Amino acid sequence: MAERTLDMLGRPDRAPVPLEKSPVQADIDKRRVRFGGARKMYADYADPIARIFFEAYGMAEPLRFDAGADYTLAPWVSCSDGLVSVADPHRGHRSFPVAPDASTPCDVLMVPSLKTHPLPEGLVRELVDQGHTFSTRAVSR
């Protein structure tokens, strides 16, 4: 690809060929403008553009909740009394209330403190579905 690019740009006997963005890159640029910033490029983790982005970084498999697994919160997630706060760099801020009488607590590992915090299983499932926590169980392939 680099050789082809240099060949296209370095042709003194012919008119230069302008470089063009791929359709995917053009769509990402439009989305960035629509979302109001350079960092946010997709609406949520179900967005097809997010899938392309994650596959490029080796994360093709969707996150799924596994009741027997241990979970780690993403670094942009924090817990306080009765509230889980998310400051996702791509999707913005949101909060999840923690029901005080919720059954089946799951201990999740917080980053960077590496302290565990109990959260209701239903909330952990929702956080997994939205990409805010992930299983630390080894993946077998």
Protein backbone atom coordinates (compact mmCIF):
# COMPACT_ATOMS: atom_id res chain seq x y z
CA MET A 1 0.00 0.00 0.00
CA ALA A 2 2.80 2.45 0.87
CA GLU A 3 4.56 1.72 -2.43
CA ARG A 4 1.34 2.34 -4.35
CA THR A 5 0.80 5.63 -2.50
CA LEU A 6 4.35 6.81 -3.23
CA ASP A 7 3.93 5.80 -6.87
CA MET A 8 0.70 7.77 -7.16
CA LEU A 9 2.18 10.87 -5.52
CA GLY A 10 5.55 10.82 -7.28
CA ARG A 11 4.61 10.72 -10.94
CA PRO A 12 6.37 13.76 -12.46
CA ASP A 13 5.19 12.95 -15.98
CA ARG A 14 1.48 12.75 -15.07
CA ALA A 15 -1.02 14.75 -13.09
CA PRO A 16 -0.98 13.91 -9.38
CA VAL A 17 -3.74 11.69 -8.07
CA PRO A 18 -5.44 13.24 -5.03
CA LEU A 19 -5.78 11.07 -1.96
CA GLU A 20 -9.35 10.39 -0.86
CA LYS A 21 -10.77 9.20 2.41
CA SER A 22 -12.32 5.77 2.45
CA PRO A 23 -16.13 5.66 2.78
CA VAL A 24 -15.73 4.36 6.35
CA GLN A 25 -13.38 7.22 7.32
CA ALA A 26 -15.68 9.79 5.71
CA ASP A 27 -18.62 8.37 7.70
CA ILE A 28 -16.59 8.47 10.93
CA ASP A 29 -15.69 12.12 10.27
CA LYS A 30 -19.37 12.99 9.70
CA ARG A 31 -20.31 11.23 12.93
CA ARG A 32 -17.64 13.11 14.87
CA VAL A 33 -19.10 16.40 13.65
CA ARG A 34 -22.63 15.25 14.50
CA PHE A 35 -21.58 14.23 18.03
CA GLY A 36 -19.79 17.55 18.50
CA GLY A 37 -16.21 16.46 19.01
CA ALA A 38 -13.19 14.62 17.73
CA ARG A 39 -13.33 11.86 20.38
CA LYS A 40 -16.87 10.60 19.98
CA MET A 41 -17.42 8.71 16.75
CA TYR A 42 -20.27 6.29 17.47
CA ALA A 43 -23.59 6.46 19.29
CA ASP A 44 -23.16 3.36 21.45
CA TYR A 45 -21.46 -0.02 21.37
CA ALA A 46 -24.24 -1.46 19.17
CA ASP A 47 -23.44 1.11 16.45
CA PRO A 48 -21.97 -0.57 13.31
CA ILE A 49 -19.12 1.96 13.30
CA ALA A 50 -18.19 0.85 16.82
CA ARG A 51 -17.96 -2.74 15.57
CA ILE A 52 -15.50 -1.69 12.83
CA PHE A 53 -13.45 0.25 15.39
CA PHE A 54 -13.32 -2.63 17.89
CA GLU A 55 -12.54 -5.26 15.26
CA ALA A 56 -9.59 -3.14 14.14
CA TYR A 57 -8.22 -3.38 17.68
CA GLY A 58 -8.81 -7.13 18.04
CA MET A 59 -12.09 -6.96 19.96
CA ALA A 60 -14.44 -8.65 17.50
CA GLU A 61 -16.34 -10.72 20.05
CA PRO A 62 -19.20 -8.94 21.88
CA LEU A 63 -19.09 -8.80 25.66
CA ARG A 64 -21.45 -11.24 27.36
CA PHE A 65 -22.34 -11.71 31.00
CA ASP A 66 -21.11 -14.95 32.61
CA ALA A 67 -22.50 -15.56 36.10
CA GLY A 68 -19.38 -17.49 37.16
CA ALA A 69 -16.87 -14.87 36.02
CA ASP A 70 -15.11 -12.12 37.92
CA TYR A 71 -15.65 -8.61 36.59
CA THR A 72 -13.53 -5.49 36.38
CA LEU A 73 -15.04 -2.05 35.90
CA ALA A 74 -13.64 0.08 33.12
CA PRO A 75 -11.38 2.91 34.36
CA TRP A 76 -14.07 5.48 33.55
CA VAL A 77 -16.55 3.87 35.99
CA SER A 78 -16.73 4.75 39.68
CA CYS A 79 -18.93 3.59 42.56
CA SER A 80 -20.21 5.56 45.52
CA ASP A 81 -23.03 5.03 47.97
CA GLY A 82 -26.04 4.04 45.91
CA LEU A 83 -24.69 5.20 42.55
CA VAL A 84 -22.48 3.93 39.73
CA SER A 85 -21.11 6.83 37.66
CA VAL A 86 -19.84 6.40 34.12
CA ALA A 87 -17.67 9.02 32.41
CA ASP A 88 -17.17 7.21 29.09
CA PRO A 89 -14.75 9.18 26.90
CA HIS A 90 -16.75 8.31 23.77
CA ARG A 91 -20.37 8.25 24.98
CA GLY A 92 -20.40 10.81 27.75
CA HIS A 93 -21.61 10.69 31.34
CA ARG A 94 -24.42 8.68 32.88
CA SER A 95 -25.39 7.22 36.23
CA PHE A 96 -26.98 4.01 37.43
CA PRO A 97 -28.73 3.84 40.80
CA VAL A 98 -27.80 0.87 42.97
CA ALA A 99 -30.82 -0.67 44.67
CA PRO A 100 -29.97 -1.18 48.37
CA ASP A 101 -32.01 -4.38 48.67
CA ALA A 102 -30.94 -5.97 45.38
CA SER A 103 -30.30 -9.69 45.53
CA THR A 104 -27.35 -11.68 44.19
CA PRO A 105 -24.48 -9.25 44.61
CA CYS A 106 -21.41 -9.55 42.39
CA ASP A 107 -18.06 -8.25 43.55
CA VAL A 108 -16.47 -6.15 40.83
CA LEU A 109 -12.88 -4.95 40.76
CA MET A 110 -12.44 -1.20 40.49
CA VAL A 111 -9.58 0.35 38.49
CA PRO A 112 -7.15 1.84 39.42
CA SER A 113 -7.71 1.19 43.14
CA LEU A 114 -8.02 -2.61 42.67
CA LYS A 115 -10.59 -2.68 45.47
CA THR A 116 -13.68 -4.82 45.12
CA HIS A 117 -17.15 -3.36 45.32
CA PRO A 118 -20.42 -5.33 45.51
CA LEU A 119 -23.01 -4.54 42.83
CA PRO A 120 -26.31 -6.25 42.05
CA GLU A 121 -26.02 -8.92 39.37
CA GLY A 122 -28.66 -7.18 37.22
CA LEU A 123 -26.64 -3.97 37.22
CA VAL A 124 -23.44 -5.85 36.37
CA ARG A 125 -25.29 -7.47 33.44
CA GLU A 126 -26.34 -4.02 32.22
CA LEU A 127 -22.81 -2.65 32.60
CA VAL A 128 -21.43 -5.62 30.63
CA ASP A 129 -24.02 -5.11 27.87
CA GLN A 130 -22.98 -1.48 27.58
CA GLY A 131 -19.24 -2.18 27.65
CA HIS A 132 -18.52 -0.60 31.05
CA THR A 133 -17.29 -3.78 32.73
CA PHE A 134 -15.65 -6.90 31.44
CA SER A 135 -14.91 -10.43 32.55
CA THR A 136 -11.43 -11.18 33.82
CA ARG A 137 -11.92 -14.90 33.21
CA ALA A 138 -9.35 -16.24 30.74
CA VAL A 139 -10.81 -16.70 27.30
CA SER A 140 -10.25 -20.17 25.84
CA ARG A 141 -10.08 -20.45 22.06
